[in-house]
PDB file of N, CA and C in Angstrom:
ATOM      1  N   UNK A   1      64.942   3.376  28.019  1.00  0.00           N
ATOM      2  CA  UNK A   1      64.107   4.503  27.676  1.00  0.00           C
ATOM      3  C   UNK A   1      62.637   4.085  27.775  1.00  0.00           C
ATOM      4  N   UNK A   2      61.843   4.910  28.377  1.00  0.00           N
ATOM      5  CA  UNK A   2      60.411   4.629  28.524  1.00  0.00           C
ATOM      6  C   UNK A   2      59.691   4.774  27.193  1.00  0.00           C
ATOM      7  N   UNK A   3      58.668   3.947  27.012  1.00  0.00           N
ATOM      8  CA  UNK A   3      57.871   3.972  25.787  1.00  0.00           C
ATOM      9  C   UNK A   3      56.422   4.291  26.135  1.00  0.00           C
ATOM     10  N   UNK A   4      55.785   5.189  25.401  1.00  0.00           N
ATOM     11  CA  UNK A   4      54.382   5.521  25.666  1.00  0.00           C
ATOM     12  C   UNK A   4      53.449   4.374  25.293  1.00  0.00           C
ATOM     13  N   UNK A   5      52.499   4.110  26.163  1.00  0.00           N
ATOM     14  CA  UNK A   5      51.429   3.164  25.885  1.00  0.00           C
ATOM     15  C   UNK A   5      50.202   4.002  25.543  1.00  0.00           C
ATOM     16  N   UNK A   6      49.736   3.879  24.316  1.00  0.00           N
ATOM     17  CA  UNK A   6      48.644   4.703  23.813  1.00  0.00           C
ATOM     18  C   UNK A   6      47.336   3.923  23.881  1.00  0.00           C
ATOM     19  N   UNK A   7      46.301   4.567  24.387  1.00  0.00           N
ATOM     20  CA  UNK A   7      44.971   3.964  24.468  1.00  0.00           C
ATOM     21  C   UNK A   7      44.089   4.595  23.404  1.00  0.00           C
ATOM     22  N   UNK A   8      43.485   3.764  22.576  1.00  0.00           N
ATOM     23  CA  UNK A   8      42.532   4.235  21.566  1.00  0.00           C
ATOM     24  C   UNK A   8      41.165   4.291  22.246  1.00  0.00           C
ATOM     25  N   UNK A   9      40.756   5.492  22.630  1.00  0.00           N
ATOM     26  CA  UNK A   9      39.516   5.657  23.390  1.00  0.00           C
ATOM     27  C   UNK A   9      38.280   5.321  22.573  1.00  0.00           C
ATOM     28  N   UNK A  10      38.375   5.339  21.255  1.00  0.00           N
ATOM     29  CA  UNK A  10      37.216   4.975  20.436  1.00  0.00           C
ATOM     30  C   UNK A  10      37.008   3.469  20.420  1.00  0.00           C
ATOM     31  N   UNK A  11      38.050   2.705  20.718  1.00  0.00           N
ATOM     32  CA  UNK A  11      37.952   1.244  20.724  1.00  0.00           C
ATOM     33  C   UNK A  11      37.778   0.661  22.130  1.00  0.00           C
ATOM     34  N   UNK A  12      38.326   1.328  23.144  1.00  0.00           N
ATOM     35  CA  UNK A  12      38.308   0.806  24.513  1.00  0.00           C
ATOM     36  C   UNK A  12      36.880   0.693  25.046  1.00  0.00           C
ATOM     37  N   UNK A  13      36.601  -0.445  25.673  1.00  0.00           N
ATOM     38  CA  UNK A  13      35.301  -0.671  26.321  1.00  0.00           C
ATOM     39  C   UNK A  13      35.429  -0.815  27.833  1.00  0.00           C
ATOM     40  N   UNK A  14      36.607  -0.552  28.372  1.00  0.00           N
ATOM     41  CA  UNK A  14      36.794  -0.584  29.816  1.00  0.00           C
ATOM     42  C   UNK A  14      36.700  -1.962  30.430  1.00  0.00           C
ATOM     43  N   UNK A  15      37.252  -2.950  29.769  1.00  0.00           N
ATOM     44  CA  UNK A  15      37.189  -4.321  30.299  1.00  0.00           C
ATOM     45  C   UNK A  15      38.207  -4.580  31.400  1.00  0.00           C
ATOM     46  N   UNK A  16      39.274  -3.766  31.467  1.00  0.00           N
ATOM     47  CA  UNK A  16      40.200  -3.826  32.597  1.00  0.00           C
ATOM     48  C   UNK A  16      41.399  -4.736  32.470  1.00  0.00           C
ATOM     49  N   UNK A  17      41.563  -5.402  31.347  1.00  0.00           N
ATOM     50  CA  UNK A  17      42.691  -6.313  31.204  1.00  0.00           C
ATOM     51  C   UNK A  17      44.027  -5.583  31.327  1.00  0.00           C
ATOM     52  N   UNK A  18      44.126  -4.393  30.735  1.00  0.00           N
ATOM     53  CA  UNK A  18      45.390  -3.644  30.815  1.00  0.00           C
ATOM     54  C   UNK A  18      45.715  -3.280  32.261  1.00  0.00           C
ATOM     55  N   UNK A  19      44.713  -2.928  33.038  1.00  0.00           N
ATOM     56  CA  UNK A  19      44.931  -2.598  34.450  1.00  0.00           C
ATOM     57  C   UNK A  19      45.348  -3.839  35.237  1.00  0.00           C
ATOM     58  N   UNK A  20      44.815  -4.998  34.872  1.00  0.00           N
ATOM     59  CA  UNK A  20      45.206  -6.244  35.532  1.00  0.00           C
ATOM     60  C   UNK A  20      46.658  -6.611  35.225  1.00  0.00           C
ATOM     61  N   UNK A  21      47.083  -6.376  33.976  1.00  0.00           N
ATOM     62  CA  UNK A  21      48.432  -6.754  33.560  1.00  0.00           C
ATOM     63  C   UNK A  21      49.491  -5.712  33.916  1.00  0.00           C
ATOM     64  N   UNK A  22      49.086  -4.462  34.078  1.00  0.00           N
ATOM     65  CA  UNK A  22      50.027  -3.378  34.392  1.00  0.00           C
ATOM     66  C   UNK A  22      49.545  -2.549  35.584  1.00  0.00           C
ATOM     67  N   UNK A  23      49.327  -3.177  36.732  1.00  0.00           N
ATOM     68  CA  UNK A  23      48.781  -2.435  37.872  1.00  0.00           C
ATOM     69  C   UNK A  23      49.703  -1.323  38.375  1.00  0.00           C
ATOM     70  N   UNK A  24      51.001  -1.423  38.073  1.00  0.00           N
ATOM     71  CA  UNK A  24      51.940  -0.381  38.493  1.00  0.00           C
ATOM     72  C   UNK A  24      51.705   0.926  37.728  1.00  0.00           C
ATOM     73  N   UNK A  25      51.160   0.822  36.518  1.00  0.00           N
ATOM     74  CA  UNK A  25      51.015   1.984  35.640  1.00  0.00           C
ATOM     75  C   UNK A  25      49.577   2.402  35.384  1.00  0.00           C
ATOM     76  N   UNK A  26      48.657   1.427  35.419  1.00  0.00           N
ATOM     77  CA  UNK A  26      47.275   1.698  35.019  1.00  0.00           C
ATOM     78  C   UNK A  26      46.301   1.292  36.114  1.00  0.00           C
ATOM     79  N   UNK A  27      45.422   2.208  36.461  1.00  0.00           N
ATOM     80  CA  UNK A  27      44.311   1.925  37.358  1.00  0.00           C
ATOM     81  C   UNK A  27      43.027   1.959  36.538  1.00  0.00           C
ATOM     82  N   UNK A  28      41.894   1.959  37.219  1.00  0.00           N
ATOM     83  CA  UNK A  28      40.607   2.024  36.532  1.00  0.00           C
ATOM     84  C   UNK A  28      39.740   3.090  37.176  1.00  0.00           C
ATOM     85  N   UNK A  29      38.960   3.768  36.336  1.00  0.00           N
ATOM     86  CA  UNK A  29      38.007   4.725  36.888  1.00  0.00           C
ATOM     87  C   UNK A  29      36.768   3.969  37.363  1.00  0.00           C
ATOM     88  N   UNK A  30      35.758   4.679  37.844  1.00  0.00           N
ATOM     89  CA  UNK A  30      34.588   4.000  38.416  1.00  0.00           C
ATOM     90  C   UNK A  30      33.771   3.239  37.378  1.00  0.00           C
ATOM     91  N   UNK A  31      34.021   3.466  36.090  1.00  0.00           N
ATOM     92  CA  UNK A  31      33.318   2.743  35.027  1.00  0.00           C
ATOM     93  C   UNK A  31      34.164   1.611  34.451  1.00  0.00           C
ATOM     94  N   UNK A  32      35.387   1.453  34.965  1.00  0.00           N
ATOM     95  CA  UNK A  32      36.262   0.383  34.510  1.00  0.00           C
ATOM     96  C   UNK A  32      37.252   0.777  33.429  1.00  0.00           C
ATOM     97  N   UNK A  33      37.218   2.031  33.002  1.00  0.00           N
ATOM     98  CA  UNK A  33      38.141   2.481  31.963  1.00  0.00           C
ATOM     99  C   UNK A  33      39.527   2.736  32.551  1.00  0.00           C
ATOM    100  N   UNK A  34      40.572   2.507  31.747  1.00  0.00           N
ATOM    101  CA  UNK A  34      41.933   2.678  32.252  1.00  0.00           C
ATOM    102  C   UNK A  34      42.274   4.130  32.547  1.00  0.00           C
ATOM    103  N   UNK A  35      43.088   4.305  33.585  1.00  0.00           N
ATOM    104  CA  UNK A  35      43.604   5.614  33.982  1.00  0.00           C
ATOM    105  C   UNK A  35      45.081   5.467  34.287  1.00  0.00           C
ATOM    106  N   UNK A  36      45.853   6.418  33.819  1.00  0.00           N
ATOM    107  CA  UNK A  36      47.266   6.439  34.160  1.00  0.00           C
ATOM    108  C   UNK A  36      47.400   6.722  35.652  1.00  0.00           C
ATOM    109  N   UNK A  37      48.206   5.960  36.338  1.00  0.00           N
ATOM    110  CA  UNK A  37      48.415   6.202  37.768  1.00  0.00           C
ATOM    111  C   UNK A  37      49.179   7.507  38.000  1.00  0.00           C
ATOM    112  N   UNK A  38      49.939   7.945  36.982  1.00  0.00           N
ATOM    113  CA  UNK A  38      50.700   9.187  37.118  1.00  0.00           C
ATOM    114  C   UNK A  38      49.870  10.412  36.745  1.00  0.00           C
ATOM    115  N   UNK A  39      48.705  10.196  36.125  1.00  0.00           N
ATOM    116  CA  UNK A  39      47.873  11.309  35.698  1.00  0.00           C
ATOM    117  C   UNK A  39      48.276  11.878  34.355  1.00  0.00           C
ATOM    118  N   UNK A  40      49.266  11.289  33.734  1.00  0.00           N
ATOM    119  CA  UNK A  40      49.758  11.735  32.428  1.00  0.00           C
ATOM    120  C   UNK A  40      49.785  10.551  31.478  1.00  0.00           C
ATOM    121  N   UNK A  41      50.442  10.734  30.337  1.00  0.00           N
ATOM    122  CA  UNK A  41      50.625   9.642  29.388  1.00  0.00           C
ATOM    123  C   UNK A  41      51.261   8.458  30.112  1.00  0.00           C
ATOM    124  N   UNK A  42      50.791   7.258  29.817  1.00  0.00           N
ATOM    125  CA  UNK A  42      51.360   6.054  30.423  1.00  0.00           C
ATOM    126  C   UNK A  42      52.716   5.800  29.769  1.00  0.00           C
ATOM    127  N   UNK A  43      53.784   5.967  30.546  1.00  0.00           N
ATOM    128  CA  UNK A  43      55.134   5.697  30.056  1.00  0.00           C
ATOM    129  C   UNK A  43      55.612   4.379  30.642  1.00  0.00           C
ATOM    130  N   UNK A  44      55.950   3.453  29.763  1.00  0.00           N
ATOM    131  CA  UNK A  44      56.340   2.107  30.172  1.00  0.00           C
ATOM    132  C   UNK A  44      57.860   2.033  30.285  1.00  0.00           C
ATOM    133  N   UNK A  45      58.379   1.823  31.500  1.00  0.00           N
ATOM    134  CA  UNK A  45      59.827   1.675  31.656  1.00  0.00           C
ATOM    135  C   UNK A  45      60.271   0.313  31.116  1.00  0.00           C
ATOM    136  N   UNK A  46      61.555   0.172  30.798  1.00  0.00           N
ATOM    137  CA  UNK A  46      62.048  -1.084  30.217  1.00  0.00           C
ATOM    138  C   UNK A  46      61.673  -2.332  31.015  1.00  0.00           C
ATOM    139  N   UNK A  47      61.674  -2.239  32.334  1.00  0.00           N
ATOM    140  CA  UNK A  47      61.383  -3.432  33.148  1.00  0.00           C
ATOM    141  C   UNK A  47      59.920  -3.871  33.068  1.00  0.00           C
ATOM    142  N   UNK A  48      59.033  -3.025  32.569  1.00  0.00           N
ATOM    143  CA  UNK A  48      57.616  -3.390  32.420  1.00  0.00           C
ATOM    144  C   UNK A  48      57.198  -3.546  30.960  1.00  0.00           C
ATOM    145  N   UNK A  49      58.180  -3.555  30.065  1.00  0.00           N
ATOM    146  CA  UNK A  49      57.854  -3.662  28.645  1.00  0.00           C
ATOM    147  C   UNK A  49      57.204  -5.003  28.300  1.00  0.00           C
ATOM    148  N   UNK A  50      57.664  -6.068  28.920  1.00  0.00           N
ATOM    149  CA  UNK A  50      57.090  -7.385  28.615  1.00  0.00           C
ATOM    150  C   UNK A  50      55.598  -7.449  28.968  1.00  0.00           C
ATOM    151  N   UNK A  51      55.175  -7.078  30.201  1.00  0.00           N
ATOM    152  CA  UNK A  51      53.738  -7.098  30.475  1.00  0.00           C
ATOM    153  C   UNK A  51      52.967  -6.077  29.629  1.00  0.00           C
ATOM    154  N   UNK A  52      53.614  -4.980  29.236  1.00  0.00           N
ATOM    155  CA  UNK A  52      52.940  -4.002  28.373  1.00  0.00           C
ATOM    156  C   UNK A  52      52.673  -4.605  26.995  1.00  0.00           C
ATOM    157  N   UNK A  53      53.654  -5.306  26.456  1.00  0.00           N
ATOM    158  CA  UNK A  53      53.455  -5.977  25.159  1.00  0.00           C
ATOM    159  C   UNK A  53      52.344  -7.023  25.264  1.00  0.00           C
ATOM    160  N   UNK A  54      52.301  -7.720  26.389  1.00  0.00           N
ATOM    161  CA  UNK A  54      51.257  -8.719  26.603  1.00  0.00           C
ATOM    162  C   UNK A  54      49.886  -8.051  26.634  1.00  0.00           C
ATOM    163  N   UNK A  55      49.781  -6.912  27.306  1.00  0.00           N
ATOM    164  CA  UNK A  55      48.513  -6.176  27.364  1.00  0.00           C
ATOM    165  C   UNK A  55      48.078  -5.738  25.970  1.00  0.00           C
ATOM    166  N   UNK A  56      49.028  -5.243  25.176  1.00  0.00           N
ATOM    167  CA  UNK A  56      48.717  -4.837  23.800  1.00  0.00           C
ATOM    168  C   UNK A  56      48.201  -6.033  23.010  1.00  0.00           C
ATOM    169  N   UNK A  57      48.888  -7.152  23.137  1.00  0.00           N
ATOM    170  CA  UNK A  57      48.530  -8.360  22.388  1.00  0.00           C
ATOM    171  C   UNK A  57      47.177  -8.930  22.815  1.00  0.00           C
ATOM    172  N   UNK A  58      46.875  -8.874  24.112  1.00  0.00           N
ATOM    173  CA  UNK A  58      45.662  -9.512  24.630  1.00  0.00           C
ATOM    174  C   UNK A  58      44.442  -8.598  24.717  1.00  0.00           C
ATOM    175  N   UNK A  59      44.609  -7.314  24.490  1.00  0.00           N
ATOM    176  CA  UNK A  59      43.464  -6.400  24.588  1.00  0.00           C
ATOM    177  C   UNK A  59      42.347  -6.877  23.656  1.00  0.00           C
ATOM    178  N   UNK A  60      41.173  -7.186  24.205  1.00  0.00           N
ATOM    179  CA  UNK A  60      40.093  -7.739  23.377  1.00  0.00           C
ATOM    180  C   UNK A  60      39.553  -6.757  22.338  1.00  0.00           C
ATOM    181  N   UNK A  61      39.770  -5.472  22.526  1.00  0.00           N
ATOM    182  CA  UNK A  61      39.277  -4.456  21.583  1.00  0.00           C
ATOM    183  C   UNK A  61      40.403  -3.841  20.749  1.00  0.00           C
ATOM    184  N   UNK A  62      41.629  -4.373  20.896  1.00  0.00           N
ATOM    185  CA  UNK A  62      42.794  -3.854  20.168  1.00  0.00           C
ATOM    186  C   UNK A  62      42.945  -2.349  20.375  1.00  0.00           C
ATOM    187  N   UNK A  63      42.738  -1.924  21.612  1.00  0.00           N
ATOM    188  CA  UNK A  63      42.723  -0.500  21.947  1.00  0.00           C
ATOM    189  C   UNK A  63      44.054   0.017  22.480  1.00  0.00           C
ATOM    190  N   UNK A  64      45.083  -0.816  22.485  1.00  0.00           N
ATOM    191  CA  UNK A  64      46.384  -0.400  23.017  1.00  0.00           C
ATOM    192  C   UNK A  64      47.455  -0.452  21.938  1.00  0.00           C
ATOM    193  N   UNK A  65      48.397   0.478  22.048  1.00  0.00           N
ATOM    194  CA  UNK A  65      49.533   0.512  21.129  1.00  0.00           C
ATOM    195  C   UNK A  65      50.747   0.979  21.919  1.00  0.00           C
ATOM    196  N   UNK A  66      51.854   0.274  21.770  1.00  0.00           N
ATOM    197  CA  UNK A  66      53.102   0.648  22.428  1.00  0.00           C
ATOM    198  C   UNK A  66      53.961   1.381  21.399  1.00  0.00           C
ATOM    199  N   UNK A  67      54.229   2.669  21.649  1.00  0.00           N
ATOM    200  CA  UNK A  67      55.001   3.492  20.716  1.00  0.00           C
ATOM    201  C   UNK A  67      56.486   3.153  20.797  1.00  0.00           C
ATOM    202  N   UNK A  68      57.218   3.581  19.803  1.00  0.00           N
ATOM    203  CA  UNK A  68      58.646   3.276  19.703  1.00  0.00           C
ATOM    204  C   UNK A  68      59.460   3.886  20.840  1.00  0.00           C
ATOM    205  N   UNK A  69      59.191   5.149  21.194  1.00  0.00           N
ATOM    206  CA  UNK A  69      59.928   5.785  22.284  1.00  0.00           C
ATOM    207  C   UNK A  69      59.144   6.974  22.812  1.00  0.00           C
ATOM    208  N   UNK A  70      59.631   7.534  23.900  1.00  0.00           N
ATOM    209  CA  UNK A  70      58.921   8.628  24.569  1.00  0.00           C
ATOM    210  C   UNK A  70      58.930   9.919  23.766  1.00  0.00           C
ATOM    211  N   UNK A  71      59.754  10.018  22.745  1.00  0.00           N
ATOM    212  CA  UNK A  71      59.800  11.223  21.924  1.00  0.00           C
ATOM    213  C   UNK A  71      58.701  11.241  20.865  1.00  0.00           C
ATOM    214  N   UNK A  72      58.007  10.110  20.688  1.00  0.00           N
ATOM    215  CA  UNK A  72      56.918  10.042  19.722  1.00  0.00           C
ATOM    216  C   UNK A  72      55.830  11.021  20.128  1.00  0.00           C
ATOM    217  N   UNK A  73      55.348  11.776  19.198  1.00  0.00           N
ATOM    218  CA  UNK A  73      54.315  12.769  19.505  1.00  0.00           C
ATOM    219  C   UNK A  73      52.992  12.070  19.784  1.00  0.00           C
ATOM    220  N   UNK A  74      52.378  12.413  20.888  1.00  0.00           N
ATOM    221  CA  UNK A  74      51.090  11.848  21.278  1.00  0.00           C
ATOM    222  C   UNK A  74      50.031  12.908  21.015  1.00  0.00           C
ATOM    223  N   UNK A  75      49.042  12.555  20.204  1.00  0.00           N
ATOM    224  CA  UNK A  75      47.949  13.483  19.927  1.00  0.00           C
ATOM    225  C   UNK A  75      46.659  12.901  20.448  1.00  0.00           C
ATOM    226  N   UNK A  76      45.740  13.751  20.820  1.00  0.00           N
ATOM    227  CA  UNK A  76      44.502  13.271  21.413  1.00  0.00           C
ATOM    228  C   UNK A  76      43.318  13.488  20.626  1.00  0.00           C
TER     229      UNK A  76
END
């Protein structure tokens, strides 16, 4: 089951580490901020959960959170 990767936009400074660790799911805009490659909520499939956890752990601004499952309500 895919898990949502949530970005805290108040904390993110667009350093790009998440895009480096999850290039299949996250790109960067022209200012370096993360963008979902699908254009929607970043859903992490089971095979990419390990690099997603690494991105959450290594984010220098603690701006990432991996939710329990895709049914978790995402608010903006």
